[in-house]
Amino acid sequence: EVGGTVYTISDFVSWQIGNTKIEFSMLECGQHREENLIQEEDYTHIFGGLFFSVDFNKNFAGKTFVLVDVAQAEFGLIGQELQSVLGGNKELIRLESEEFEKIFVVYSDDQIEARYILSPSLMEKILELKNTTNNLIEMSFVKNKLYIAINKRKGSFEPKLHKSIVDF
């Protein structure tokens, strides 16, 4: 528990390919509604799913966040205006890919670096990952790390008792 937020980590995996360290696990996060309460119904669910940390080959000067675009999906043009306000001290970044913009919203404190990171090729790969997993995906580029959160409440590494584990 950190500052009222409860983190539960399971199925931790870590490996290295060349100089690139990759770590991931199942992660559950929740926020206590009141102090000193420990039952599951006493906290608000924040995130549940796979969380990846990947070394990136560049140290980022700024922080860039790729989030699910709920505002535009729900509210259209008004949602676009709302995005600008919700970015806090981060700037809303508009990208060239219409398909990417329909699904994700990007905030960064360095517009040039965000555009450099989110090349057309990487945006295409992120869309491919989202379509392959069929789950909500969010990511951030901070310091020299790429963090990926794939919202998936069910345990990905739990064996299915009615199926062969060879096909898993």
N, C-alpha and C. Protein backbone atom coordinates (compact mmCIF):
# COMPACT_ATOMS: atom_id res chain seq x y z
N GLU A 1 0.85 -1.18 0.00
CA GLU A 1 0.00 0.00 0.00
C GLU A 1 0.89 1.24 0.00
N VAL A 2 0.55 2.20 -0.86
CA VAL A 2 1.30 3.45 -0.93
C VAL A 2 0.31 4.60 -0.91
N GLY A 3 0.31 5.41 0.13
CA GLY A 3 -0.55 6.60 0.22
C GLY A 3 -2.02 6.33 -0.01
N GLY A 4 -2.55 5.23 0.51
CA GLY A 4 -3.96 4.93 0.34
C GLY A 4 -4.27 4.14 -0.92
N THR A 5 -3.28 3.99 -1.81
CA THR A 5 -3.47 3.19 -3.01
C THR A 5 -2.90 1.80 -2.76
N VAL A 6 -3.70 0.77 -3.06
CA VAL A 6 -3.30 -0.62 -2.84
C VAL A 6 -2.88 -1.23 -4.18
N TYR A 7 -1.68 -1.81 -4.21
CA TYR A 7 -1.16 -2.46 -5.40
C TYR A 7 -1.00 -3.95 -5.12
N THR A 8 -1.48 -4.80 -6.01
CA THR A 8 -1.27 -6.24 -5.90
C THR A 8 -0.62 -6.69 -7.20
N ILE A 9 0.55 -7.34 -7.06
CA ILE A 9 1.30 -7.78 -8.23
C ILE A 9 1.39 -9.30 -8.19
N SER A 10 1.17 -9.94 -9.35
CA SER A 10 1.33 -11.38 -9.45
C SER A 10 1.92 -11.73 -10.81
N ASP A 11 2.43 -12.93 -10.93
CA ASP A 11 2.95 -13.45 -12.20
C ASP A 11 4.02 -12.53 -12.80
N PHE A 12 4.98 -12.10 -11.99
CA PHE A 12 6.04 -11.20 -12.44
C PHE A 12 7.03 -11.94 -13.34
N VAL A 13 7.33 -11.33 -14.50
CA VAL A 13 8.28 -11.89 -15.47
C VAL A 13 9.28 -10.81 -15.84
N SER A 14 10.56 -11.17 -15.88
CA SER A 14 11.61 -10.23 -16.25
C SER A 14 12.62 -10.94 -17.13
N TRP A 15 13.03 -10.29 -18.22
CA TRP A 15 14.06 -10.84 -19.07
C TRP A 15 14.75 -9.71 -19.81
N GLN A 16 15.86 -10.06 -20.47
CA GLN A 16 16.64 -9.07 -21.18
C GLN A 16 16.98 -9.59 -22.57
N ILE A 17 16.79 -8.72 -23.58
CA ILE A 17 17.16 -9.03 -24.95
C ILE A 17 18.21 -7.99 -25.34
N GLY A 18 19.46 -8.42 -25.46
CA GLY A 18 20.54 -7.46 -25.69
C GLY A 18 20.63 -6.52 -24.50
N ASN A 19 20.52 -5.21 -24.76
CA ASN A 19 20.54 -4.21 -23.68
C ASN A 19 19.14 -3.81 -23.22
N THR A 20 18.12 -4.44 -23.78
CA THR A 20 16.73 -4.06 -23.47
C THR A 20 16.16 -4.96 -22.39
N LYS A 21 15.86 -4.36 -21.24
CA LYS A 21 15.23 -5.09 -20.14
C LYS A 21 13.72 -4.94 -20.27
N ILE A 22 13.01 -6.06 -20.14
CA ILE A 22 11.56 -6.09 -20.24
C ILE A 22 11.02 -6.75 -18.98
N GLU A 23 10.05 -6.10 -18.35
CA GLU A 23 9.41 -6.66 -17.17
C GLU A 23 7.90 -6.50 -17.32
N PHE A 24 7.16 -7.50 -16.84
CA PHE A 24 5.71 -7.34 -16.80
C PHE A 24 5.11 -8.22 -15.74
N SER A 25 3.91 -7.88 -15.35
CA SER A 25 3.18 -8.66 -14.36
C SER A 25 1.70 -8.33 -14.46
N MET A 26 0.91 -9.13 -13.77
CA MET A 26 -0.49 -8.77 -13.56
C MET A 26 -0.49 -7.75 -12.42
N LEU A 27 -1.24 -6.68 -12.57
CA LEU A 27 -1.27 -5.62 -11.57
C LEU A 27 -2.71 -5.24 -11.29
N GLU A 28 -3.04 -5.14 -10.03
CA GLU A 28 -4.34 -4.65 -9.59
C GLU A 28 -4.08 -3.42 -8.73
N CYS A 29 -4.79 -2.34 -8.99
CA CYS A 29 -4.66 -1.12 -8.20
C CYS A 29 -6.03 -0.66 -7.73
N GLY A 30 -6.08 -0.20 -6.51
CA GLY A 30 -7.32 0.34 -5.97
C GLY A 30 -7.01 1.44 -4.97
N GLN A 31 -7.97 2.32 -4.75
CA GLN A 31 -7.81 3.45 -3.83
C GLN A 31 -8.77 3.24 -2.66
N HIS A 32 -8.25 3.33 -1.43
CA HIS A 32 -9.12 3.23 -0.26
C HIS A 32 -10.14 4.36 -0.26
N ARG A 33 -11.39 4.02 0.03
CA ARG A 33 -12.44 5.05 0.15
C ARG A 33 -12.33 5.77 1.48
N GLU A 34 -11.97 5.04 2.51
CA GLU A 34 -11.79 5.61 3.85
C GLU A 34 -10.55 5.00 4.45
N GLU A 35 -9.97 5.68 5.44
CA GLU A 35 -8.77 5.15 6.07
C GLU A 35 -9.06 3.88 6.85
N ASN A 36 -8.06 3.01 6.94
CA ASN A 36 -8.08 1.80 7.76
C ASN A 36 -9.10 0.75 7.33
N LEU A 37 -9.61 0.80 6.12
CA LEU A 37 -10.52 -0.22 5.63
C LEU A 37 -9.75 -1.17 4.73
N ILE A 38 -9.95 -2.46 4.89
CA ILE A 38 -9.13 -3.41 4.14
C ILE A 38 -9.94 -4.39 3.31
N GLN A 39 -11.25 -4.39 3.40
CA GLN A 39 -12.04 -5.31 2.61
C GLN A 39 -12.12 -4.82 1.17
N GLU A 40 -12.30 -5.76 0.24
CA GLU A 40 -12.31 -5.42 -1.19
C GLU A 40 -13.33 -4.35 -1.52
N GLU A 41 -14.52 -4.41 -0.91
CA GLU A 41 -15.56 -3.42 -1.23
C GLU A 41 -15.26 -2.05 -0.64
N ASP A 42 -14.19 -1.92 0.15
CA ASP A 42 -13.83 -0.65 0.76
C ASP A 42 -12.91 0.20 -0.12
N TYR A 43 -12.60 -0.27 -1.30
CA TYR A 43 -11.76 0.56 -2.16
C TYR A 43 -12.31 0.60 -3.58
N THR A 44 -11.94 1.68 -4.28
CA THR A 44 -12.37 1.90 -5.65
C THR A 44 -11.33 1.32 -6.60
N HIS A 45 -11.77 0.49 -7.53
CA HIS A 45 -10.87 -0.12 -8.51
C HIS A 45 -10.33 0.95 -9.46
N ILE A 46 -9.02 0.96 -9.66
CA ILE A 46 -8.38 1.91 -10.57
C ILE A 46 -7.92 1.21 -11.85
N PHE A 47 -7.23 0.09 -11.69
CA PHE A 47 -6.69 -0.63 -12.85
C PHE A 47 -6.54 -2.10 -12.52
N GLY A 48 -6.76 -2.94 -13.51
CA GLY A 48 -6.48 -4.36 -13.39
C GLY A 48 -6.06 -4.90 -14.74
N GLY A 49 -4.88 -5.47 -14.81
CA GLY A 49 -4.44 -6.03 -16.08
C GLY A 49 -2.94 -6.23 -16.14
N LEU A 50 -2.44 -6.35 -17.35
CA LEU A 50 -1.01 -6.52 -17.58
C LEU A 50 -0.32 -5.16 -17.57
N PHE A 51 0.81 -5.09 -16.88
CA PHE A 51 1.58 -3.85 -16.84
C PHE A 51 3.01 -4.17 -17.25
N PHE A 52 3.48 -3.50 -18.32
CA PHE A 52 4.82 -3.72 -18.87
C PHE A 52 5.71 -2.51 -18.60
N SER A 53 6.98 -2.78 -18.36
CA SER A 53 8.03 -1.76 -18.29
C SER A 53 9.13 -2.22 -19.24
N VAL A 54 9.45 -1.38 -20.23
CA VAL A 54 10.43 -1.75 -21.25
C VAL A 54 11.47 -0.63 -21.37
N ASP A 55 12.75 -1.02 -21.31
CA ASP A 55 13.80 -0.03 -21.55
C ASP A 55 13.68 0.47 -22.98
N PHE A 56 13.79 1.77 -23.15
CA PHE A 56 13.74 2.37 -24.48
C PHE A 56 15.16 2.80 -24.82
N ASN A 57 15.52 2.85 -26.08
CA ASN A 57 16.90 3.17 -26.46
C ASN A 57 17.19 4.67 -26.46
N LYS A 58 16.33 5.45 -25.81
CA LYS A 58 16.50 6.91 -25.78
C LYS A 58 16.01 7.41 -24.42
N ASN A 59 16.69 8.41 -23.88
CA ASN A 59 16.24 9.05 -22.65
C ASN A 59 15.37 10.24 -23.03
N PHE A 60 14.11 10.22 -22.65
CA PHE A 60 13.17 11.27 -23.03
C PHE A 60 13.34 12.50 -22.16
N ALA A 61 13.32 13.67 -22.79
CA ALA A 61 13.39 14.92 -22.04
C ALA A 61 12.04 15.23 -21.39
N GLY A 62 10.96 14.89 -22.09
CA GLY A 62 9.62 15.16 -21.58
C GLY A 62 8.91 13.88 -21.19
N LYS A 63 7.63 14.03 -20.90
CA LYS A 63 6.77 12.89 -20.57
C LYS A 63 5.62 12.88 -21.57
N THR A 64 5.39 11.74 -22.19
CA THR A 64 4.33 11.60 -23.19
C THR A 64 3.41 10.48 -22.77
N PHE A 65 2.09 10.75 -22.81
CA PHE A 65 1.08 9.78 -22.39
C PHE A 65 0.12 9.50 -23.54
N VAL A 66 -0.11 8.23 -23.83
CA VAL A 66 -1.07 7.79 -24.84
C VAL A 66 -2.20 7.13 -24.08
N LEU A 67 -3.38 7.77 -24.08
CA LEU A 67 -4.51 7.31 -23.29
C LEU A 67 -5.70 6.98 -24.17
N VAL A 68 -6.59 6.17 -23.67
CA VAL A 68 -7.82 5.86 -24.39
C VAL A 68 -8.63 7.15 -24.52
N ASP A 69 -9.12 7.42 -25.71
CA ASP A 69 -9.84 8.67 -25.98
C ASP A 69 -11.33 8.50 -25.69
N VAL A 70 -11.67 8.64 -24.43
CA VAL A 70 -13.07 8.50 -24.02
C VAL A 70 -13.85 9.76 -24.37
N ALA A 71 -13.25 10.92 -24.18
CA ALA A 71 -13.96 12.20 -24.39
C ALA A 71 -14.45 12.34 -25.83
N GLN A 72 -13.58 12.11 -26.80
CA GLN A 72 -13.99 12.28 -28.19
C GLN A 72 -14.99 11.21 -28.60
N ALA A 73 -14.78 9.98 -28.12
CA ALA A 73 -15.71 8.90 -28.46
C ALA A 73 -17.11 9.19 -27.92
N GLU A 74 -17.18 9.75 -26.71
CA GLU A 74 -18.47 10.00 -26.07
C GLU A 74 -19.11 11.32 -26.49
N PHE A 75 -18.29 12.36 -26.70
CA PHE A 75 -18.83 13.71 -26.87
C PHE A 75 -18.45 14.39 -28.19
N GLY A 76 -17.77 13.69 -29.10
CA GLY A 76 -17.44 14.25 -30.41
C GLY A 76 -16.59 15.50 -30.34
N LEU A 77 -16.99 16.56 -31.05
CA LEU A 77 -16.22 17.81 -31.11
C LEU A 77 -16.11 18.48 -29.75
N ILE A 78 -17.17 18.40 -28.95
CA ILE A 78 -17.10 18.96 -27.59
C ILE A 78 -16.05 18.21 -26.79
N GLY A 79 -15.96 16.91 -27.01
CA GLY A 79 -14.95 16.09 -26.34
C GLY A 79 -13.54 16.51 -26.70
N GLN A 80 -13.33 16.91 -27.96
CA GLN A 80 -12.01 17.40 -28.37
C GLN A 80 -11.62 18.65 -27.57
N GLU A 81 -12.57 19.54 -27.39
CA GLU A 81 -12.30 20.75 -26.60
C GLU A 81 -12.05 20.40 -25.14
N LEU A 82 -12.79 19.43 -24.63
CA LEU A 82 -12.63 18.98 -23.26
C LEU A 82 -11.24 18.39 -23.04
N GLN A 83 -10.72 17.69 -24.04
CA GLN A 83 -9.38 17.11 -23.95
C GLN A 83 -8.33 18.18 -23.67
N SER A 84 -8.45 19.31 -24.34
CA SER A 84 -7.48 20.39 -24.16
C SER A 84 -7.45 20.87 -22.72
N VAL A 85 -8.61 20.93 -22.09
CA VAL A 85 -8.71 21.39 -20.71
C VAL A 85 -8.21 20.33 -19.74
N LEU A 86 -8.47 19.05 -20.02
CA LEU A 86 -8.14 17.97 -19.11
C LEU A 86 -6.66 17.61 -19.09
N GLY A 87 -5.89 18.13 -19.98
CA GLY A 87 -4.48 17.78 -20.06
C GLY A 87 -3.63 18.31 -18.93
N GLY A 88 -4.18 19.18 -18.09
CA GLY A 88 -3.41 19.76 -16.99
C GLY A 88 -2.24 20.54 -17.53
N ASN A 89 -1.04 20.24 -17.01
CA ASN A 89 0.15 20.95 -17.50
C ASN A 89 0.74 20.29 -18.74
N LYS A 90 0.08 19.29 -19.26
CA LYS A 90 0.52 18.64 -20.50
C LYS A 90 -0.30 19.18 -21.66
N GLU A 91 0.35 19.27 -22.80
CA GLU A 91 -0.30 19.79 -24.00
C GLU A 91 -0.95 18.65 -24.78
N LEU A 92 -2.15 18.89 -25.28
CA LEU A 92 -2.82 17.93 -26.15
C LEU A 92 -2.09 17.90 -27.48
N ILE A 93 -1.69 16.72 -27.92
CA ILE A 93 -0.93 16.57 -29.16
C ILE A 93 -1.86 16.00 -30.23
N ARG A 94 -2.00 16.69 -31.33
CA ARG A 94 -2.77 16.20 -32.47
C ARG A 94 -1.81 15.52 -33.44
N LEU A 95 -2.17 14.30 -33.84
CA LEU A 95 -1.31 13.53 -34.73
C LEU A 95 -1.97 13.35 -36.09
N GLU A 96 -1.18 12.90 -37.06
CA GLU A 96 -1.66 12.82 -38.44
C GLU A 96 -2.58 11.63 -38.70
N SER A 97 -2.48 10.59 -37.90
CA SER A 97 -3.26 9.38 -38.14
C SER A 97 -4.68 9.53 -37.60
N GLU A 98 -5.66 9.62 -38.51
CA GLU A 98 -7.06 9.75 -38.09
C GLU A 98 -7.51 8.52 -37.31
N GLU A 99 -7.08 7.34 -37.75
CA GLU A 99 -7.46 6.10 -37.08
C GLU A 99 -6.93 6.09 -35.64
N PHE A 100 -5.70 6.51 -35.45
CA PHE A 100 -5.08 6.57 -34.12
C PHE A 100 -5.82 7.59 -33.25
N GLU A 101 -6.13 8.75 -33.83
CA GLU A 101 -6.82 9.83 -33.10
C GLU A 101 -8.22 9.43 -32.65
N LYS A 102 -8.88 8.52 -33.38
CA LYS A 102 -10.22 8.08 -32.99
C LYS A 102 -10.19 7.24 -31.72
N ILE A 103 -9.08 6.57 -31.47
CA ILE A 103 -8.99 5.64 -30.34
C ILE A 103 -8.20 6.21 -29.18
N PHE A 104 -7.15 6.98 -29.47
CA PHE A 104 -6.25 7.47 -28.43
C PHE A 104 -6.19 8.99 -28.39
N VAL A 105 -5.84 9.50 -27.21
CA VAL A 105 -5.54 10.91 -27.03
C VAL A 105 -4.12 10.97 -26.47
N VAL A 106 -3.33 11.93 -26.94
CA VAL A 106 -1.93 12.02 -26.54
C VAL A 106 -1.69 13.35 -25.84
N TYR A 107 -1.05 13.28 -24.67
CA TYR A 107 -0.64 14.47 -23.93
C TYR A 107 0.86 14.40 -23.73
N SER A 108 1.52 15.55 -23.80
CA SER A 108 2.96 15.59 -23.58
C SER A 108 3.38 16.98 -23.14
N ASP A 109 4.52 17.06 -22.49
CA ASP A 109 5.07 18.37 -22.18
C ASP A 109 6.18 18.73 -23.18
N ASP A 110 6.30 17.94 -24.26
CA ASP A 110 7.26 18.22 -25.33
C ASP A 110 6.66 17.75 -26.66
N GLN A 111 6.01 18.67 -27.37
CA GLN A 111 5.30 18.33 -28.60
C GLN A 111 6.22 17.72 -29.66
N ILE A 112 7.41 18.27 -29.82
CA ILE A 112 8.34 17.79 -30.85
C ILE A 112 8.77 16.36 -30.52
N GLU A 113 9.11 16.12 -29.26
CA GLU A 113 9.53 14.77 -28.87
C GLU A 113 8.38 13.78 -29.01
N ALA A 114 7.16 14.17 -28.65
CA ALA A 114 6.00 13.29 -28.77
C ALA A 114 5.79 12.87 -30.22
N ARG A 115 5.94 13.80 -31.14
CA ARG A 115 5.78 13.48 -32.56
C ARG A 115 6.92 12.59 -33.06
N TYR A 116 8.12 12.80 -32.50
CA TYR A 116 9.27 11.95 -32.84
C TYR A 116 9.02 10.52 -32.37
N ILE A 117 8.56 10.37 -31.12
CA ILE A 117 8.30 9.04 -30.55
C ILE A 117 7.19 8.34 -31.32
N LEU A 118 6.07 9.04 -31.50
CA LEU A 118 4.88 8.43 -32.11
C LEU A 118 4.92 8.58 -33.63
N SER A 119 5.90 7.91 -34.21
CA SER A 119 6.05 7.91 -35.66
C SER A 119 4.85 7.17 -36.28
N PRO A 120 4.59 7.39 -37.56
CA PRO A 120 3.50 6.63 -38.21
C PRO A 120 3.64 5.12 -38.02
N SER A 121 4.87 4.63 -38.07
CA SER A 121 5.12 3.20 -37.91
C SER A 121 4.73 2.73 -36.50
N LEU A 122 5.12 3.48 -35.47
CA LEU A 122 4.79 3.08 -34.10
C LEU A 122 3.29 3.21 -33.85
N MET A 123 2.65 4.24 -34.36
CA MET A 123 1.20 4.37 -34.19
C MET A 123 0.48 3.15 -34.80
N GLU A 124 0.97 2.71 -35.95
CA GLU A 124 0.38 1.54 -36.61
C GLU A 124 0.55 0.29 -35.74
N LYS A 125 1.73 0.15 -35.13
CA LYS A 125 1.99 -1.01 -34.27
C LYS A 125 1.13 -0.95 -33.00
N ILE A 126 0.91 0.23 -32.45
CA ILE A 126 0.06 0.38 -31.27
C ILE A 126 -1.38 0.00 -31.61
N LEU A 127 -1.86 0.44 -32.77
CA LEU A 127 -3.21 0.07 -33.21
C LEU A 127 -3.32 -1.44 -33.42
N GLU A 128 -2.27 -2.04 -33.98
CA GLU A 128 -2.24 -3.48 -34.18
C GLU A 128 -2.33 -4.22 -32.84
N LEU A 129 -1.57 -3.75 -31.86
CA LEU A 129 -1.59 -4.35 -30.52
C LEU A 129 -2.97 -4.23 -29.90
N LYS A 130 -3.58 -3.07 -30.03
CA LYS A 130 -4.92 -2.85 -29.48
C LYS A 130 -5.93 -3.78 -30.13
N ASN A 131 -5.85 -3.93 -31.45
CA ASN A 131 -6.77 -4.80 -32.17
C ASN A 131 -6.52 -6.27 -31.87
N THR A 132 -5.26 -6.66 -31.69
CA THR A 132 -4.92 -8.05 -31.39
C THR A 132 -5.40 -8.45 -30.00
N THR A 133 -5.17 -7.59 -29.01
CA THR A 133 -5.55 -7.91 -27.64
C THR A 133 -7.03 -7.68 -27.39
N ASN A 134 -7.65 -6.79 -28.18
CA ASN A 134 -9.05 -6.43 -28.01
C ASN A 134 -9.34 -5.95 -26.59
N ASN A 135 -8.36 -5.21 -26.01
CA ASN A 135 -8.50 -4.63 -24.67
C ASN A 135 -8.09 -3.17 -24.72
N LEU A 136 -8.45 -2.42 -23.68
CA LEU A 136 -8.01 -1.03 -23.58
C LEU A 136 -6.52 -1.01 -23.30
N ILE A 137 -5.80 -0.16 -24.02
CA ILE A 137 -4.35 -0.05 -23.87
C ILE A 137 -4.00 1.41 -23.64
N GLU A 138 -3.14 1.66 -22.67
CA GLU A 138 -2.61 3.00 -22.44
C GLU A 138 -1.12 2.87 -22.22
N MET A 139 -0.37 3.92 -22.55
CA MET A 139 1.07 3.85 -22.40
C MET A 139 1.66 5.21 -22.10
N SER A 140 2.89 5.17 -21.60
CA SER A 140 3.61 6.41 -21.35
C SER A 140 5.08 6.20 -21.68
N PHE A 141 5.71 7.31 -22.04
CA PHE A 141 7.14 7.35 -22.34
C PHE A 141 7.74 8.34 -21.35
N VAL A 142 8.47 7.81 -20.36
CA VAL A 142 9.00 8.65 -19.28
C VAL A 142 10.45 8.23 -19.03
N LYS A 143 11.33 9.23 -18.99
CA LYS A 143 12.77 9.02 -18.82
C LYS A 143 13.25 8.07 -19.92
N ASN A 144 13.71 6.88 -19.58
CA ASN A 144 14.16 5.95 -20.63
C ASN A 144 13.28 4.70 -20.67
N LYS A 145 12.01 4.84 -20.29
CA LYS A 145 11.11 3.69 -20.21
C LYS A 145 9.85 3.89 -21.02
N LEU A 146 9.38 2.79 -21.56
CA LEU A 146 8.04 2.71 -22.15
C LEU A 146 7.22 1.87 -21.17
N TYR A 147 6.11 2.41 -20.69
CA TYR A 147 5.20 1.69 -19.80
C TYR A 147 3.92 1.41 -20.58
N ILE A 148 3.46 0.17 -20.52
CA ILE A 148 2.23 -0.21 -21.23
C ILE A 148 1.28 -0.86 -20.23
N ALA A 149 0.05 -0.37 -20.19
CA ALA A 149 -0.98 -0.95 -19.34
C ALA A 149 -2.07 -1.51 -20.25
N ILE A 150 -2.33 -2.80 -20.12
CA ILE A 150 -3.38 -3.46 -20.90
C ILE A 150 -4.46 -3.87 -19.91
N ASN A 151 -5.60 -3.19 -19.99
CA ASN A 151 -6.68 -3.43 -19.05
C ASN A 151 -7.31 -4.78 -19.32
N LYS A 152 -7.09 -5.70 -18.40
CA LYS A 152 -7.58 -7.07 -18.58
C LYS A 152 -7.75 -7.66 -17.20
N ARG A 153 -8.97 -7.68 -16.71
CA ARG A 153 -9.22 -8.11 -15.32
C ARG A 153 -8.92 -9.58 -15.07
N LYS A 154 -9.13 -10.45 -16.03
CA LYS A 154 -8.89 -11.87 -15.83
C LYS A 154 -7.40 -12.16 -15.83
N GLY A 155 -6.99 -13.16 -15.05
CA GLY A 155 -5.59 -13.58 -15.02
C GLY A 155 -5.16 -14.20 -16.34
N SER A 156 -4.18 -13.61 -16.98
CA SER A 156 -3.71 -14.11 -18.27
C SER A 156 -2.92 -15.39 -18.14
N PHE A 157 -2.39 -15.66 -16.96
CA PHE A 157 -1.51 -16.80 -16.78
C PHE A 157 -2.16 -17.92 -15.97
N GLU A 158 -3.45 -17.81 -15.77
CA GLU A 158 -4.18 -18.85 -15.05
C GLU A 158 -4.55 -19.94 -16.04
N PRO A 159 -4.26 -21.21 -15.71
CA PRO A 159 -4.60 -22.29 -16.64
C PRO A 159 -6.11 -22.49 -16.73
N LYS A 160 -6.55 -22.85 -17.90
CA LYS A 160 -7.97 -23.16 -18.13
C LYS A 160 -8.14 -24.64 -17.84
N LEU A 161 -8.99 -24.97 -16.90
CA LEU A 161 -9.12 -26.35 -16.47
C LEU A 161 -9.81 -27.22 -17.52
N HIS A 162 -10.60 -26.63 -18.40
CA HIS A 162 -11.32 -27.40 -19.41
C HIS A 162 -10.62 -27.41 -20.77
N LYS A 163 -9.40 -26.87 -20.85
CA LYS A 163 -8.65 -26.86 -22.11
C LYS A 163 -7.25 -27.42 -21.89
N SER A 164 -6.64 -27.86 -22.96
CA SER A 164 -5.27 -28.35 -22.90
C SER A 164 -4.32 -27.20 -22.60
N ILE A 165 -3.36 -27.40 -21.69
CA ILE A 165 -2.38 -26.35 -21.41
C ILE A 165 -1.30 -26.30 -22.48
N VAL A 166 -1.25 -27.31 -23.35
CA VAL A 166 -0.29 -27.30 -24.45
C VAL A 166 -0.64 -26.18 -25.44
N ASP A 167 -1.93 -25.93 -25.65
CA ASP A 167 -2.37 -24.88 -26.57
C ASP A 167 -2.28 -23.48 -25.97
N PHE A 168 -2.09 -23.39 -24.62
CA PHE A 168 -2.05 -22.11 -23.94
C PHE A 168 -0.97 -21.23 -24.51
